Amino acid sequence: MSFEDTIAAVLDGRLAPLRLELQRLATEVSDLRQALPPLLVSVPIAAERLGVSLSTARRRVRDGEWPVRRDGRRVLVDLGTLHAKTNEELSDVSRMLRNDRVARGGT
C-alpha cells in the first residue's frame, strides 16, 4: 500500500461520520421545507422579488405559470414553489424577508 493509499484510507475513515451527519442534516432541511407554510406575497411583491416587471408577473399568473392562492379578491403568489430551491437561496430569501420586516418597523 502506498503512502497516498494510506492517507486516503485514513481520510475516508475520518470523513465517514461527517458524511452521515451531512446526510442527516440534508434530510432534516428537506423535512423543514415541507413543514413550512407557503410564502404568499402579493403580485407586485412577487414581481419585485423575482426581478420581473409587474405586467410580466400578472401575465405569468394569468397563464398559470406561477402558483397562486386567492384570498377573497386578493391574488397571492406562492414564492416558495417558484424560488429558493437550494439551501443558499433559502438563506438569501430568509435574510431578505427579515431585513424587510426590520425596515418596516417589525422585529
N, C-alpha and C. Protein backbone atom coordinates (compact mmCIF):
# COMPACT_ATOMS: atom_id res chain seq x y z
N MET A 1 0.86 -1.17 0.00
CA MET A 1 0.00 0.00 0.00
C MET A 1 0.90 1.24 0.00
N SER A 2 0.61 2.18 -0.90
CA SER A 2 1.42 3.39 -0.99
C SER A 2 1.02 4.38 0.09
N PHE A 3 1.86 5.38 0.22
CA PHE A 3 1.59 6.44 1.19
C PHE A 3 0.26 7.12 0.89
N GLU A 4 0.00 7.40 -0.40
CA GLU A 4 -1.24 8.06 -0.81
C GLU A 4 -2.47 7.20 -0.48
N ASP A 5 -2.32 5.87 -0.69
CA ASP A 5 -3.42 4.96 -0.37
C ASP A 5 -3.70 4.95 1.14
N THR A 6 -2.65 5.00 1.93
CA THR A 6 -2.80 5.02 3.38
C THR A 6 -3.51 6.30 3.82
N ILE A 7 -3.06 7.42 3.27
CA ILE A 7 -3.69 8.71 3.61
C ILE A 7 -5.16 8.69 3.19
N ALA A 8 -5.46 8.20 2.00
CA ALA A 8 -6.83 8.14 1.51
C ALA A 8 -7.70 7.28 2.43
N ALA A 9 -7.18 6.15 2.88
CA ALA A 9 -7.93 5.26 3.76
C ALA A 9 -8.21 5.94 5.11
N VAL A 10 -7.22 6.63 5.63
CA VAL A 10 -7.40 7.33 6.91
C VAL A 10 -8.44 8.44 6.76
N LEU A 11 -8.34 9.20 5.68
CA LEU A 11 -9.30 10.28 5.45
C LEU A 11 -10.72 9.74 5.27
N ASP A 12 -10.86 8.66 4.52
CA ASP A 12 -12.18 8.06 4.34
C ASP A 12 -12.78 7.66 5.68
N GLY A 13 -11.96 7.08 6.54
CA GLY A 13 -12.44 6.68 7.87
C GLY A 13 -12.84 7.86 8.72
N ARG A 14 -12.09 8.94 8.63
CA ARG A 14 -12.40 10.14 9.42
C ARG A 14 -13.58 10.92 8.86
N LEU A 15 -13.77 10.86 7.55
CA LEU A 15 -14.85 11.61 6.91
C LEU A 15 -16.19 10.88 6.94
N ALA A 16 -16.17 9.58 7.16
CA ALA A 16 -17.42 8.80 7.15
C ALA A 16 -18.46 9.35 8.13
N PRO A 17 -18.10 9.66 9.40
CA PRO A 17 -19.12 10.21 10.31
C PRO A 17 -19.64 11.57 9.83
N LEU A 18 -18.76 12.37 9.23
CA LEU A 18 -19.20 13.67 8.72
C LEU A 18 -20.18 13.51 7.55
N ARG A 19 -19.92 12.55 6.71
CA ARG A 19 -20.85 12.29 5.59
C ARG A 19 -22.22 11.88 6.11
N LEU A 20 -22.24 11.02 7.13
CA LEU A 20 -23.50 10.59 7.72
C LEU A 20 -24.25 11.77 8.34
N GLU A 21 -23.51 12.64 9.05
CA GLU A 21 -24.13 13.81 9.67
C GLU A 21 -24.67 14.76 8.60
N LEU A 22 -23.93 14.95 7.53
CA LEU A 22 -24.38 15.81 6.44
C LEU A 22 -25.65 15.25 5.80
N GLN A 23 -25.71 13.96 5.62
CA GLN A 23 -26.90 13.33 5.06
C GLN A 23 -28.10 13.50 6.01
N ARG A 24 -27.87 13.36 7.31
CA ARG A 24 -28.94 13.54 8.29
C ARG A 24 -29.45 14.98 8.25
N LEU A 25 -28.53 15.94 8.19
CA LEU A 25 -28.91 17.35 8.15
C LEU A 25 -29.68 17.68 6.87
N ALA A 26 -29.25 17.12 5.76
CA ALA A 26 -29.95 17.36 4.49
C ALA A 26 -31.38 16.83 4.57
N THR A 27 -31.57 15.70 5.22
CA THR A 27 -32.91 15.14 5.40
C THR A 27 -33.75 16.05 6.29
N GLU A 28 -33.15 16.58 7.35
CA GLU A 28 -33.87 17.49 8.24
C GLU A 28 -34.28 18.77 7.51
N VAL A 29 -33.39 19.32 6.69
CA VAL A 29 -33.72 20.52 5.93
C VAL A 29 -34.87 20.24 4.98
N SER A 30 -34.83 19.11 4.34
CA SER A 30 -35.92 18.73 3.43
C SER A 30 -37.24 18.62 4.18
N ASP A 31 -37.21 18.00 5.35
CA ASP A 31 -38.43 17.89 6.16
C ASP A 31 -38.94 19.26 6.60
N LEU A 32 -38.02 20.15 6.96
CA LEU A 32 -38.42 21.50 7.36
C LEU A 32 -39.06 22.26 6.20
N ARG A 33 -38.50 22.10 5.01
CA ARG A 33 -39.07 22.76 3.84
C ARG A 33 -40.51 22.33 3.62
N GLN A 34 -40.78 21.06 3.82
CA GLN A 34 -42.13 20.55 3.61
C GLN A 34 -43.07 21.01 4.72
N ALA A 35 -42.54 21.25 5.92
CA ALA A 35 -43.38 21.63 7.05
C ALA A 35 -43.69 23.13 7.09
N LEU A 36 -42.88 23.93 6.41
CA LEU A 36 -43.08 25.37 6.44
C LEU A 36 -44.33 25.76 5.69
N PRO A 37 -45.03 26.78 6.18
CA PRO A 37 -46.20 27.26 5.44
C PRO A 37 -45.73 27.94 4.16
N PRO A 38 -46.61 28.06 3.19
CA PRO A 38 -46.21 28.69 1.93
C PRO A 38 -45.86 30.17 2.14
N LEU A 39 -44.95 30.66 1.33
CA LEU A 39 -44.55 32.06 1.37
C LEU A 39 -45.42 32.80 0.37
N LEU A 40 -46.54 33.34 0.85
CA LEU A 40 -47.51 34.00 -0.01
C LEU A 40 -47.30 35.51 0.01
N VAL A 41 -47.14 36.09 -1.18
CA VAL A 41 -46.96 37.53 -1.30
C VAL A 41 -47.84 38.04 -2.43
N SER A 42 -48.09 39.34 -2.42
CA SER A 42 -48.89 39.94 -3.48
C SER A 42 -48.14 39.88 -4.80
N VAL A 43 -48.86 40.07 -5.89
CA VAL A 43 -48.24 40.02 -7.22
C VAL A 43 -47.16 41.10 -7.37
N PRO A 44 -47.39 42.34 -6.93
CA PRO A 44 -46.31 43.34 -7.06
C PRO A 44 -45.05 42.96 -6.29
N ILE A 45 -45.21 42.40 -5.10
CA ILE A 45 -44.04 42.00 -4.32
C ILE A 45 -43.35 40.82 -4.99
N ALA A 46 -44.11 39.88 -5.51
CA ALA A 46 -43.51 38.74 -6.22
C ALA A 46 -42.72 39.23 -7.43
N ALA A 47 -43.26 40.20 -8.15
CA ALA A 47 -42.55 40.75 -9.32
C ALA A 47 -41.22 41.35 -8.89
N GLU A 48 -41.26 42.12 -7.81
CA GLU A 48 -40.04 42.75 -7.30
C GLU A 48 -39.02 41.71 -6.87
N ARG A 49 -39.46 40.73 -6.09
CA ARG A 49 -38.54 39.71 -5.57
C ARG A 49 -37.93 38.85 -6.67
N LEU A 50 -38.71 38.62 -7.72
CA LEU A 50 -38.23 37.75 -8.79
C LEU A 50 -37.62 38.53 -9.95
N GLY A 51 -37.58 39.84 -9.81
CA GLY A 51 -36.87 40.66 -10.79
C GLY A 51 -37.56 40.77 -12.14
N VAL A 52 -38.88 40.81 -12.13
CA VAL A 52 -39.62 40.97 -13.39
C VAL A 52 -40.56 42.16 -13.24
N SER A 53 -41.05 42.65 -14.38
CA SER A 53 -41.99 43.77 -14.33
C SER A 53 -43.34 43.29 -13.80
N LEU A 54 -44.13 44.24 -13.36
CA LEU A 54 -45.46 43.92 -12.85
C LEU A 54 -46.32 43.30 -13.95
N SER A 55 -46.21 43.81 -15.17
CA SER A 55 -47.02 43.24 -16.27
C SER A 55 -46.59 41.80 -16.57
N THR A 56 -45.29 41.51 -16.48
CA THR A 56 -44.82 40.13 -16.69
C THR A 56 -45.34 39.23 -15.58
N ALA A 57 -45.31 39.73 -14.35
CA ALA A 57 -45.82 38.94 -13.22
C ALA A 57 -47.30 38.64 -13.40
N ARG A 58 -48.06 39.64 -13.79
CA ARG A 58 -49.50 39.43 -14.00
C ARG A 58 -49.76 38.44 -15.12
N ARG A 59 -48.96 38.52 -16.17
CA ARG A 59 -49.12 37.57 -17.28
C ARG A 59 -48.80 36.15 -16.83
N ARG A 60 -47.76 36.00 -16.03
CA ARG A 60 -47.39 34.66 -15.54
C ARG A 60 -48.47 34.09 -14.63
N VAL A 61 -49.10 34.95 -13.85
CA VAL A 61 -50.22 34.50 -13.01
C VAL A 61 -51.39 34.09 -13.90
N ARG A 62 -51.73 34.96 -14.84
CA ARG A 62 -52.87 34.70 -15.73
C ARG A 62 -52.67 33.41 -16.54
N ASP A 63 -51.43 33.18 -17.00
CA ASP A 63 -51.14 31.99 -17.81
C ASP A 63 -50.92 30.73 -16.99
N GLY A 64 -50.99 30.87 -15.67
CA GLY A 64 -50.83 29.70 -14.80
C GLY A 64 -49.39 29.28 -14.59
N GLU A 65 -48.43 30.12 -14.97
CA GLU A 65 -47.01 29.78 -14.79
C GLU A 65 -46.60 29.88 -13.33
N TRP A 66 -47.24 30.78 -12.60
CA TRP A 66 -46.94 30.95 -11.18
C TRP A 66 -48.10 30.43 -10.36
N PRO A 67 -47.82 29.60 -9.36
CA PRO A 67 -48.90 29.11 -8.49
C PRO A 67 -49.40 30.23 -7.59
N VAL A 68 -50.70 30.34 -7.51
CA VAL A 68 -51.30 31.40 -6.70
C VAL A 68 -52.37 30.82 -5.78
N ARG A 69 -52.67 31.58 -4.77
CA ARG A 69 -53.81 31.30 -3.89
C ARG A 69 -54.64 32.56 -3.86
N ARG A 70 -55.91 32.39 -3.74
CA ARG A 70 -56.79 33.55 -3.70
C ARG A 70 -57.34 33.70 -2.28
N ASP A 71 -57.34 34.94 -1.83
CA ASP A 71 -57.89 35.30 -0.53
C ASP A 71 -58.91 36.40 -0.81
N GLY A 72 -60.14 35.96 -1.03
CA GLY A 72 -61.16 36.91 -1.47
C GLY A 72 -60.79 37.38 -2.87
N ARG A 73 -60.61 38.69 -3.01
CA ARG A 73 -60.22 39.24 -4.31
C ARG A 73 -58.71 39.32 -4.47
N ARG A 74 -57.98 39.12 -3.38
CA ARG A 74 -56.51 39.21 -3.44
C ARG A 74 -55.93 37.97 -4.09
N VAL A 75 -54.93 38.19 -4.91
CA VAL A 75 -54.19 37.10 -5.54
C VAL A 75 -52.81 37.08 -4.88
N LEU A 76 -52.46 35.93 -4.31
CA LEU A 76 -51.19 35.79 -3.61
C LEU A 76 -50.34 34.73 -4.33
N VAL A 77 -49.12 35.08 -4.62
CA VAL A 77 -48.18 34.19 -5.31
C VAL A 77 -47.42 33.40 -4.25
N ASP A 78 -47.29 32.10 -4.48
CA ASP A 78 -46.53 31.24 -3.57
C ASP A 78 -45.07 31.23 -4.01
N LEU A 79 -44.28 32.11 -3.42
CA LEU A 79 -42.87 32.22 -3.79
C LEU A 79 -42.08 30.96 -3.46
N GLY A 80 -42.50 30.25 -2.45
CA GLY A 80 -41.78 29.05 -2.05
C GLY A 80 -41.70 28.00 -3.14
N THR A 81 -42.68 27.97 -4.02
CA THR A 81 -42.64 26.99 -5.11
C THR A 81 -41.92 27.52 -6.33
N LEU A 82 -41.69 28.82 -6.37
CA LEU A 82 -41.01 29.41 -7.52
C LEU A 82 -39.53 29.62 -7.29
N HIS A 83 -39.14 29.76 -6.07
CA HIS A 83 -37.78 30.18 -5.79
C HIS A 83 -37.29 29.47 -4.55
N ALA A 84 -36.02 29.69 -4.25
CA ALA A 84 -35.40 29.17 -3.05
C ALA A 84 -35.35 27.66 -3.03
N LYS A 85 -34.79 27.10 -4.07
CA LYS A 85 -34.69 25.65 -4.13
C LYS A 85 -33.44 25.11 -3.43
N THR A 86 -32.38 25.93 -3.38
CA THR A 86 -31.17 25.47 -2.71
C THR A 86 -31.10 26.05 -1.31
N ASN A 87 -30.25 25.48 -0.48
CA ASN A 87 -30.09 25.99 0.88
C ASN A 87 -29.60 27.44 0.86
N GLU A 88 -28.70 27.76 -0.06
CA GLU A 88 -28.19 29.13 -0.16
C GLU A 88 -29.32 30.08 -0.54
N GLU A 89 -30.16 29.69 -1.48
CA GLU A 89 -31.28 30.53 -1.88
C GLU A 89 -32.27 30.70 -0.72
N LEU A 90 -32.51 29.63 0.03
CA LEU A 90 -33.39 29.74 1.19
C LEU A 90 -32.84 30.74 2.20
N SER A 91 -31.53 30.69 2.43
CA SER A 91 -30.90 31.62 3.36
C SER A 91 -31.04 33.05 2.86
N ASP A 92 -30.85 33.25 1.55
CA ASP A 92 -30.97 34.59 0.98
C ASP A 92 -32.38 35.13 1.14
N VAL A 93 -33.38 34.31 0.84
CA VAL A 93 -34.77 34.75 0.96
C VAL A 93 -35.10 35.05 2.41
N SER A 94 -34.66 34.19 3.32
CA SER A 94 -34.92 34.40 4.74
C SER A 94 -34.31 35.72 5.20
N ARG A 95 -33.07 35.97 4.81
CA ARG A 95 -32.38 37.20 5.18
C ARG A 95 -33.11 38.42 4.60
N MET A 96 -33.55 38.32 3.35
CA MET A 96 -34.25 39.42 2.70
C MET A 96 -35.57 39.71 3.42
N LEU A 97 -36.31 38.67 3.79
CA LEU A 97 -37.57 38.87 4.49
C LEU A 97 -37.35 39.48 5.88
N ARG A 98 -36.32 39.02 6.58
CA ARG A 98 -36.01 39.61 7.88
C ARG A 98 -35.67 41.09 7.74
N ASN A 99 -34.85 41.43 6.74
CA ASN A 99 -34.48 42.82 6.52
C ASN A 99 -35.70 43.66 6.17
N ASP A 100 -36.61 43.12 5.36
CA ASP A 100 -37.85 43.84 5.01
C ASP A 100 -38.68 44.09 6.26
N ARG A 101 -38.78 43.08 7.11
CA ARG A 101 -39.58 43.20 8.33
C ARG A 101 -38.98 44.26 9.25
N VAL A 102 -37.66 44.27 9.39
CA VAL A 102 -36.98 45.25 10.24
C VAL A 102 -37.17 46.65 9.64
N ALA A 103 -37.06 46.78 8.32
CA ALA A 103 -37.22 48.07 7.67
C ALA A 103 -38.62 48.65 7.87
N ARG A 104 -39.61 47.75 8.00
CA ARG A 104 -40.98 48.21 8.21
C ARG A 104 -41.29 48.42 9.69
N GLY A 105 -40.31 48.25 10.55
CA GLY A 105 -40.51 48.50 11.97
C GLY A 105 -40.86 47.26 12.77
N GLY A 106 -40.80 46.08 12.16
CA GLY A 106 -41.06 44.84 12.88
C GLY A 106 -39.81 44.37 13.57
N THR A 107 -39.92 43.19 14.19
CA THR A 107 -38.74 42.64 14.88
C THR A 107 -38.25 41.41 14.19
